Every structure is written in structure tokens, then in C-alpha cells.
Amino acid sequence: MNILLPGLFIGIAAGLLGALCGVGGGIFMVPVFVTFLGLTQKQAIATSLAVIIFTSLAATISNARAPQPLIQWPLFAACTVGSVVASWLMAEKMKSMSDDTLTRIFAVVLIAAGVWMWIKPSPAAKPPLAAEEPGTPS
């Protein structure tokens, strides 16, 4: 089966979701790759992660060019260090796990994230991460 055209449409949908929701499209791509394209869970995860490199790069460039800063660079740096190390280790571990186990883990993470987002307080009710200096004009 030719996967180029379906891949293009999956990429468009993942890019839209990633840019709007900050999910990188993986929550969309992995299930679609498995269900509609017949990839194994491992192949779907690995392919999704590879796509996310360029999806993230495009969105990062756009967000960095915003008139008002959107990216919290110190947070970015700290998260990058932790996530790169953890991703490398888990990518190695993933290779030895069964597709069924990976599918179940993926489902639990999606459900937990969805429930958390449904019940958490509105971001408008919380103070911003980086408080302004006293006397700094808003």
C-alpha cells in the first residue's frame, strides 16, 4: 500500500493538533499509524518521534519570532536536558517491550492526561510562572 498520500494527510492533522495543543502530534499519529496504516506500536512510536523533530522545529521558529516572547528559554533548556536523557534511555527500553504493553502504557497516559486537563483549574486562575519585577511596567 502506498503510504505517501495518507502520510501527508496524517502529517497535516498532526501539525494542526501539535501547533494548537502542544502535543507534537504523537497522540494523533501513533494511533492512526497503528490502526489505519498497520504499523506495529514500536514502528508507530519511532516514526512519530522522528516526525516530531521537524514539527517542533517549525513551531519553535514561529513561536520564537512572536512579538511577545512565548518560549520560556530557561525552562526549555532545563527540560531539554532531562528529556533528551530520558528519551534515549526509554527508546532503548522500548525496543525490548511488547507492542501490547506499549499500547496499554500509551492508552493510560492519554486517559490520565485527558482527565487531568478536564479537571484542572483554569490557567487564568493561576499566577504566571515568571513574576514581573516590582516597578516594571506591564
N, C-alpha and C. Protein backbone atom coordinates (compact mmCIF):
# COMPACT_ATOMS: atom_id res chain seq x y z
N MET A 1 0.85 -1.18 0.00
CA MET A 1 0.00 0.00 0.00
C MET A 1 0.89 1.24 0.00
N ASN A 2 0.54 2.21 -0.81
CA ASN A 2 1.27 3.46 -0.85
C ASN A 2 0.87 4.28 0.38
N ILE A 3 1.86 4.66 1.19
CA ILE A 3 1.56 5.40 2.41
C ILE A 3 1.89 6.88 2.30
N LEU A 4 2.32 7.34 1.13
CA LEU A 4 2.72 8.74 1.00
C LEU A 4 1.53 9.70 1.13
N LEU A 5 0.44 9.44 0.42
CA LEU A 5 -0.72 10.34 0.50
C LEU A 5 -1.37 10.28 1.88
N PRO A 6 -1.65 9.09 2.42
CA PRO A 6 -2.18 9.07 3.80
C PRO A 6 -1.21 9.73 4.79
N GLY A 7 0.08 9.52 4.58
CA GLY A 7 1.07 10.14 5.45
C GLY A 7 1.02 11.66 5.40
N LEU A 8 0.80 12.21 4.22
CA LEU A 8 0.68 13.66 4.07
C LEU A 8 -0.51 14.19 4.88
N PHE A 9 -1.66 13.53 4.76
CA PHE A 9 -2.86 13.97 5.49
C PHE A 9 -2.71 13.77 7.00
N ILE A 10 -2.08 12.69 7.40
CA ILE A 10 -1.82 12.46 8.83
C ILE A 10 -0.88 13.55 9.34
N GLY A 11 0.12 13.91 8.55
CA GLY A 11 1.05 14.96 8.94
C GLY A 11 0.37 16.32 9.08
N ILE A 12 -0.54 16.62 8.16
CA ILE A 12 -1.28 17.89 8.25
C ILE A 12 -2.10 17.92 9.53
N ALA A 13 -2.83 16.85 9.80
CA ALA A 13 -3.64 16.80 11.02
C ALA A 13 -2.76 16.87 12.27
N ALA A 14 -1.66 16.16 12.27
CA ALA A 14 -0.75 16.17 13.43
C ALA A 14 -0.13 17.55 13.62
N GLY A 15 0.23 18.21 12.54
CA GLY A 15 0.78 19.56 12.64
C GLY A 15 -0.22 20.54 13.21
N LEU A 16 -1.46 20.44 12.75
CA LEU A 16 -2.50 21.32 13.28
C LEU A 16 -2.71 21.07 14.78
N LEU A 17 -2.82 19.80 15.16
CA LEU A 17 -3.01 19.48 16.58
C LEU A 17 -1.80 19.86 17.41
N GLY A 18 -0.62 19.60 16.88
CA GLY A 18 0.60 19.93 17.60
C GLY A 18 0.74 21.42 17.84
N ALA A 19 0.49 22.21 16.82
CA ALA A 19 0.63 23.66 16.95
C ALA A 19 -0.44 24.25 17.87
N LEU A 20 -1.64 23.69 17.84
CA LEU A 20 -2.72 24.21 18.66
C LEU A 20 -2.70 23.71 20.10
N CYS A 21 -2.25 22.47 20.28
CA CYS A 21 -2.34 21.85 21.60
C CYS A 21 -1.00 21.56 22.24
N GLY A 22 0.08 21.72 21.52
CA GLY A 22 1.40 21.47 22.08
C GLY A 22 1.70 20.01 22.33
N VAL A 23 1.05 19.13 21.58
CA VAL A 23 1.23 17.70 21.81
C VAL A 23 2.23 17.06 20.87
N GLY A 24 2.73 17.80 19.91
CA GLY A 24 3.67 17.24 18.97
C GLY A 24 3.03 16.31 17.97
N GLY A 25 1.75 16.13 18.05
CA GLY A 25 1.04 15.28 17.11
C GLY A 25 1.11 13.80 17.42
N GLY A 26 1.96 13.40 18.37
CA GLY A 26 2.12 11.98 18.69
C GLY A 26 0.85 11.33 19.19
N ILE A 27 0.04 12.08 19.91
CA ILE A 27 -1.19 11.48 20.42
C ILE A 27 -2.16 11.18 19.29
N PHE A 28 -1.98 11.85 18.17
CA PHE A 28 -2.79 11.57 16.99
C PHE A 28 -2.11 10.55 16.08
N MET A 29 -0.82 10.76 15.82
CA MET A 29 -0.12 9.93 14.84
C MET A 29 -0.01 8.47 15.27
N VAL A 30 0.36 8.22 16.50
CA VAL A 30 0.59 6.83 16.92
C VAL A 30 -0.65 5.96 16.72
N PRO A 31 -1.83 6.36 17.24
CA PRO A 31 -3.00 5.50 16.99
C PRO A 31 -3.37 5.37 15.52
N VAL A 32 -3.21 6.45 14.75
CA VAL A 32 -3.55 6.40 13.32
C VAL A 32 -2.57 5.50 12.57
N PHE A 33 -1.29 5.61 12.89
CA PHE A 33 -0.30 4.74 12.24
C PHE A 33 -0.62 3.27 12.49
N VAL A 34 -0.98 2.94 13.71
CA VAL A 34 -1.26 1.55 14.06
C VAL A 34 -2.58 1.09 13.44
N THR A 35 -3.63 1.88 13.65
CA THR A 35 -4.98 1.47 13.23
C THR A 35 -5.17 1.48 11.72
N PHE A 36 -4.72 2.53 11.06
CA PHE A 36 -5.03 2.68 9.64
C PHE A 36 -3.89 2.32 8.69
N LEU A 37 -2.65 2.38 9.18
CA LEU A 37 -1.53 2.07 8.30
C LEU A 37 -0.89 0.72 8.62
N GLY A 38 -1.31 0.09 9.71
CA GLY A 38 -0.83 -1.25 10.03
C GLY A 38 0.57 -1.31 10.61
N LEU A 39 1.10 -0.19 11.09
CA LEU A 39 2.42 -0.22 11.73
C LEU A 39 2.30 -0.91 13.08
N THR A 40 3.40 -1.50 13.54
CA THR A 40 3.42 -2.01 14.91
C THR A 40 3.48 -0.81 15.85
N GLN A 41 3.19 -1.04 17.11
CA GLN A 41 3.26 0.06 18.08
C GLN A 41 4.67 0.65 18.13
N LYS A 42 5.68 -0.21 18.08
CA LYS A 42 7.07 0.27 18.10
C LYS A 42 7.38 1.12 16.87
N GLN A 43 6.95 0.68 15.69
CA GLN A 43 7.18 1.45 14.48
C GLN A 43 6.45 2.79 14.54
N ALA A 44 5.22 2.78 15.06
CA ALA A 44 4.43 4.00 15.16
C ALA A 44 5.08 5.00 16.11
N ILE A 45 5.56 4.52 17.24
CA ILE A 45 6.22 5.40 18.21
C ILE A 45 7.49 5.99 17.60
N ALA A 46 8.32 5.15 17.01
CA ALA A 46 9.59 5.61 16.44
C ALA A 46 9.36 6.59 15.28
N THR A 47 8.38 6.31 14.43
CA THR A 47 8.08 7.19 13.30
C THR A 47 7.54 8.52 13.79
N SER A 48 6.64 8.47 14.76
CA SER A 48 6.07 9.69 15.33
C SER A 48 7.16 10.57 15.94
N LEU A 49 8.07 9.97 16.67
CA LEU A 49 9.16 10.73 17.28
C LEU A 49 10.05 11.38 16.22
N ALA A 50 10.28 10.68 15.13
CA ALA A 50 11.09 11.26 14.06
C ALA A 50 10.38 12.45 13.42
N VAL A 51 9.07 12.34 13.21
CA VAL A 51 8.29 13.44 12.62
C VAL A 51 8.30 14.64 13.55
N ILE A 52 8.21 14.38 14.84
CA ILE A 52 8.10 15.47 15.83
C ILE A 52 9.33 16.37 15.80
N ILE A 53 10.48 15.86 15.40
CA ILE A 53 11.68 16.70 15.31
C ILE A 53 11.39 17.93 14.44
N PHE A 54 10.84 17.69 13.27
CA PHE A 54 10.63 18.78 12.32
C PHE A 54 9.37 19.58 12.65
N THR A 55 8.35 18.92 13.19
CA THR A 55 7.15 19.64 13.63
C THR A 55 7.52 20.63 14.72
N SER A 56 8.29 20.17 15.69
CA SER A 56 8.71 21.04 16.78
C SER A 56 9.60 22.18 16.30
N LEU A 57 10.50 21.88 15.39
CA LEU A 57 11.39 22.91 14.87
C LEU A 57 10.60 24.01 14.17
N ALA A 58 9.64 23.64 13.33
CA ALA A 58 8.84 24.64 12.62
C ALA A 58 8.04 25.50 13.59
N ALA A 59 7.39 24.87 14.56
CA ALA A 59 6.60 25.63 15.54
C ALA A 59 7.50 26.49 16.42
N THR A 60 8.68 25.97 16.78
CA THR A 60 9.61 26.74 17.62
C THR A 60 10.07 28.00 16.91
N ILE A 61 10.41 27.88 15.65
CA ILE A 61 10.84 29.06 14.88
C ILE A 61 9.71 30.09 14.83
N SER A 62 8.50 29.64 14.56
CA SER A 62 7.37 30.55 14.50
C SER A 62 7.12 31.21 15.86
N ASN A 63 7.15 30.42 16.93
CA ASN A 63 6.90 30.97 18.27
C ASN A 63 8.03 31.88 18.74
N ALA A 64 9.24 31.61 18.34
CA ALA A 64 10.37 32.45 18.74
C ALA A 64 10.32 33.81 18.04
N ARG A 65 9.65 33.87 16.92
CA ARG A 65 9.54 35.12 16.16
C ARG A 65 8.35 35.96 16.58
N ALA A 66 7.58 35.51 17.55
CA ALA A 66 6.40 36.25 18.01
C ALA A 66 6.83 37.58 18.61
N PRO A 67 6.00 38.62 18.46
CA PRO A 67 6.34 39.93 19.00
C PRO A 67 6.56 39.91 20.52
N GLN A 68 5.79 39.13 21.22
CA GLN A 68 5.95 38.98 22.66
C GLN A 68 6.48 37.57 22.91
N PRO A 69 7.52 37.41 23.73
CA PRO A 69 8.12 36.08 23.93
C PRO A 69 7.10 35.03 24.37
N LEU A 70 7.08 33.92 23.67
CA LEU A 70 6.20 32.82 24.03
C LEU A 70 6.98 31.68 24.66
N ILE A 71 8.21 31.49 24.24
CA ILE A 71 9.01 30.38 24.74
C ILE A 71 9.75 30.82 25.99
N GLN A 72 9.63 30.05 27.03
CA GLN A 72 10.37 30.29 28.26
C GLN A 72 11.71 29.57 28.13
N TRP A 73 12.76 30.29 27.67
CA TRP A 73 14.02 29.68 27.31
C TRP A 73 14.72 28.96 28.46
N PRO A 74 14.75 29.49 29.70
CA PRO A 74 15.38 28.73 30.78
C PRO A 74 14.66 27.40 31.05
N LEU A 75 13.33 27.43 30.98
CA LEU A 75 12.56 26.20 31.15
C LEU A 75 12.84 25.24 30.01
N PHE A 76 12.91 25.78 28.79
CA PHE A 76 13.25 24.98 27.62
C PHE A 76 14.58 24.25 27.83
N ALA A 77 15.60 24.99 28.29
CA ALA A 77 16.93 24.41 28.46
C ALA A 77 16.91 23.28 29.50
N ALA A 78 16.28 23.53 30.62
CA ALA A 78 16.23 22.51 31.68
C ALA A 78 15.46 21.28 31.23
N CYS A 79 14.33 21.48 30.60
CA CYS A 79 13.52 20.35 30.13
C CYS A 79 14.24 19.57 29.03
N THR A 80 14.97 20.28 28.18
CA THR A 80 15.69 19.62 27.10
C THR A 80 16.71 18.63 27.65
N VAL A 81 17.47 19.05 28.63
CA VAL A 81 18.48 18.15 29.22
C VAL A 81 17.82 16.89 29.76
N GLY A 82 16.79 17.08 30.59
CA GLY A 82 16.11 15.92 31.17
C GLY A 82 15.44 15.04 30.15
N SER A 83 14.76 15.65 29.18
CA SER A 83 14.02 14.85 28.21
C SER A 83 14.92 14.12 27.24
N VAL A 84 16.06 14.70 26.88
CA VAL A 84 16.98 14.02 25.96
C VAL A 84 17.53 12.75 26.62
N VAL A 85 17.96 12.87 27.86
CA VAL A 85 18.49 11.70 28.57
C VAL A 85 17.41 10.64 28.75
N ALA A 86 16.24 11.06 29.23
CA ALA A 86 15.15 10.10 29.45
C ALA A 86 14.69 9.47 28.15
N SER A 87 14.62 10.26 27.07
CA SER A 87 14.18 9.72 25.77
C SER A 87 15.15 8.67 25.24
N TRP A 88 16.43 8.95 25.38
CA TRP A 88 17.43 7.98 24.92
C TRP A 88 17.28 6.66 25.68
N LEU A 89 17.19 6.76 26.99
CA LEU A 89 17.07 5.56 27.82
C LEU A 89 15.78 4.80 27.53
N MET A 90 14.67 5.51 27.41
CA MET A 90 13.38 4.84 27.18
C MET A 90 13.27 4.30 25.76
N ALA A 91 13.91 4.95 24.79
CA ALA A 91 13.91 4.42 23.43
C ALA A 91 14.61 3.07 23.39
N GLU A 92 15.68 2.95 24.16
CA GLU A 92 16.37 1.66 24.27
C GLU A 92 15.48 0.63 24.96
N LYS A 93 14.82 1.02 26.03
CA LYS A 93 13.93 0.11 26.78
C LYS A 93 12.74 -0.30 25.93
N MET A 94 12.19 0.64 25.16
CA MET A 94 11.01 0.37 24.33
C MET A 94 11.25 -0.78 23.37
N LYS A 95 12.47 -0.91 22.89
CA LYS A 95 12.79 -1.96 21.92
C LYS A 95 12.57 -3.36 22.49
N SER A 96 12.71 -3.50 23.81
CA SER A 96 12.55 -4.81 24.43
C SER A 96 11.14 -5.06 24.96
N MET A 97 10.24 -4.09 24.83
CA MET A 97 8.88 -4.23 25.35
C MET A 97 7.96 -4.74 24.24
N SER A 98 6.89 -5.39 24.65
CA SER A 98 5.92 -5.89 23.66
C SER A 98 5.03 -4.75 23.17
N ASP A 99 4.50 -4.92 21.97
CA ASP A 99 3.59 -3.92 21.42
C ASP A 99 2.35 -3.78 22.31
N ASP A 100 1.86 -4.89 22.86
CA ASP A 100 0.69 -4.82 23.74
C ASP A 100 0.97 -3.97 24.98
N THR A 101 2.12 -4.15 25.59
CA THR A 101 2.48 -3.36 26.76
C THR A 101 2.60 -1.89 26.40
N LEU A 102 3.24 -1.59 25.29
CA LEU A 102 3.39 -0.21 24.85
C LEU A 102 2.04 0.43 24.56
N THR A 103 1.13 -0.32 23.94
CA THR A 103 -0.20 0.20 23.65
C THR A 103 -0.94 0.52 24.94
N ARG A 104 -0.84 -0.35 25.92
CA ARG A 104 -1.51 -0.10 27.20
C ARG A 104 -0.93 1.12 27.91
N ILE A 105 0.39 1.24 27.91
CA ILE A 105 1.02 2.41 28.53
C ILE A 105 0.55 3.69 27.83
N PHE A 106 0.54 3.66 26.53
CA PHE A 106 0.11 4.82 25.74
C PHE A 106 -1.33 5.19 26.09
N ALA A 107 -2.21 4.20 26.18
CA ALA A 107 -3.62 4.45 26.50
C ALA A 107 -3.77 5.05 27.89
N VAL A 108 -3.06 4.52 28.86
CA VAL A 108 -3.14 5.04 30.23
C VAL A 108 -2.66 6.49 30.28
N VAL A 109 -1.57 6.78 29.59
CA VAL A 109 -1.04 8.15 29.59
C VAL A 109 -2.05 9.10 28.95
N LEU A 110 -2.65 8.70 27.83
CA LEU A 110 -3.63 9.56 27.17
C LEU A 110 -4.85 9.80 28.05
N ILE A 111 -5.35 8.75 28.67
CA ILE A 111 -6.52 8.89 29.54
C ILE A 111 -6.19 9.77 30.74
N ALA A 112 -5.07 9.52 31.38
CA ALA A 112 -4.68 10.32 32.55
C ALA A 112 -4.50 11.79 32.17
N ALA A 113 -3.86 12.05 31.03
CA ALA A 113 -3.67 13.44 30.60
C ALA A 113 -5.01 14.10 30.31
N GLY A 114 -5.90 13.38 29.67
CA GLY A 114 -7.23 13.92 29.36
C GLY A 114 -8.02 14.24 30.62
N VAL A 115 -8.01 13.33 31.57
CA VAL A 115 -8.73 13.56 32.84
C VAL A 115 -8.12 14.74 33.57
N TRP A 116 -6.80 14.79 33.63
CA TRP A 116 -6.12 15.89 34.32
C TRP A 116 -6.51 17.24 33.70
N MET A 117 -6.48 17.32 32.38
CA MET A 117 -6.81 18.57 31.72
C MET A 117 -8.28 18.94 31.90
N TRP A 118 -9.13 17.93 32.01
CA TRP A 118 -10.56 18.18 32.18
C TRP A 118 -10.85 18.77 33.56
N ILE A 119 -10.15 18.28 34.60
CA ILE A 119 -10.48 18.68 35.97
C ILE A 119 -9.58 19.77 36.54
N LYS A 120 -8.45 20.07 35.92
CA LYS A 120 -7.53 21.06 36.49
C LYS A 120 -8.13 22.45 36.44
N PRO A 121 -7.68 23.34 37.35
CA PRO A 121 -8.19 24.71 37.31
C PRO A 121 -7.75 25.43 36.04
N SER A 122 -8.50 26.43 35.69
CA SER A 122 -8.19 27.23 34.51
C SER A 122 -6.84 27.92 34.68
N PRO A 123 -6.01 27.95 33.62
CA PRO A 123 -4.72 28.65 33.73
C PRO A 123 -4.88 30.12 34.11
N ALA A 124 -6.00 30.73 33.78
CA ALA A 124 -6.22 32.14 34.11
C ALA A 124 -6.32 32.34 35.62
N ALA A 125 -6.64 31.29 36.35
CA ALA A 125 -6.79 31.39 37.80
C ALA A 125 -5.45 31.30 38.52
N LYS A 126 -4.38 30.96 37.81
CA LYS A 126 -3.06 30.79 38.41
C LYS A 126 -2.15 31.96 38.06
N PRO A 127 -1.21 32.31 38.96
CA PRO A 127 -0.25 33.36 38.61
C PRO A 127 0.73 32.84 37.56
N PRO A 128 1.31 33.73 36.75
CA PRO A 128 2.27 33.29 35.74
C PRO A 128 3.52 32.71 36.38
N LEU A 129 4.24 31.86 35.64
CA LEU A 129 5.47 31.24 36.14
C LEU A 129 6.52 32.27 36.51
N ALA A 130 6.79 33.17 35.63
CA ALA A 130 7.81 34.19 35.87
C ALA A 130 7.14 35.49 36.27
N ALA A 131 7.17 35.81 37.54
CA ALA A 131 6.56 37.03 38.02
C ALA A 131 7.38 38.23 37.56
N GLU A 132 6.69 39.32 37.28
CA GLU A 132 7.40 40.53 36.85
C GLU A 132 8.09 41.15 38.05
N GLU A 133 9.17 41.86 37.77
CA GLU A 133 9.90 42.60 38.80
C GLU A 133 9.01 43.72 39.34
N PRO A 134 9.07 44.02 40.65
CA PRO A 134 8.30 45.16 41.16
C PRO A 134 8.74 46.44 40.47
N GLY A 135 7.77 47.25 40.13
CA GLY A 135 8.06 48.52 39.48
C GLY A 135 8.25 48.41 37.97
N THR A 136 8.18 47.18 37.42
CA THR A 136 8.32 47.00 35.98
C THR A 136 6.97 47.29 35.33
N PRO A 137 6.92 48.16 34.34
CA PRO A 137 5.63 48.43 33.69
C PRO A 137 5.11 47.18 32.97
N SER A 138 3.81 46.99 32.97
CA SER A 138 3.20 45.83 32.31
C SER A 138 2.97 46.11 30.85
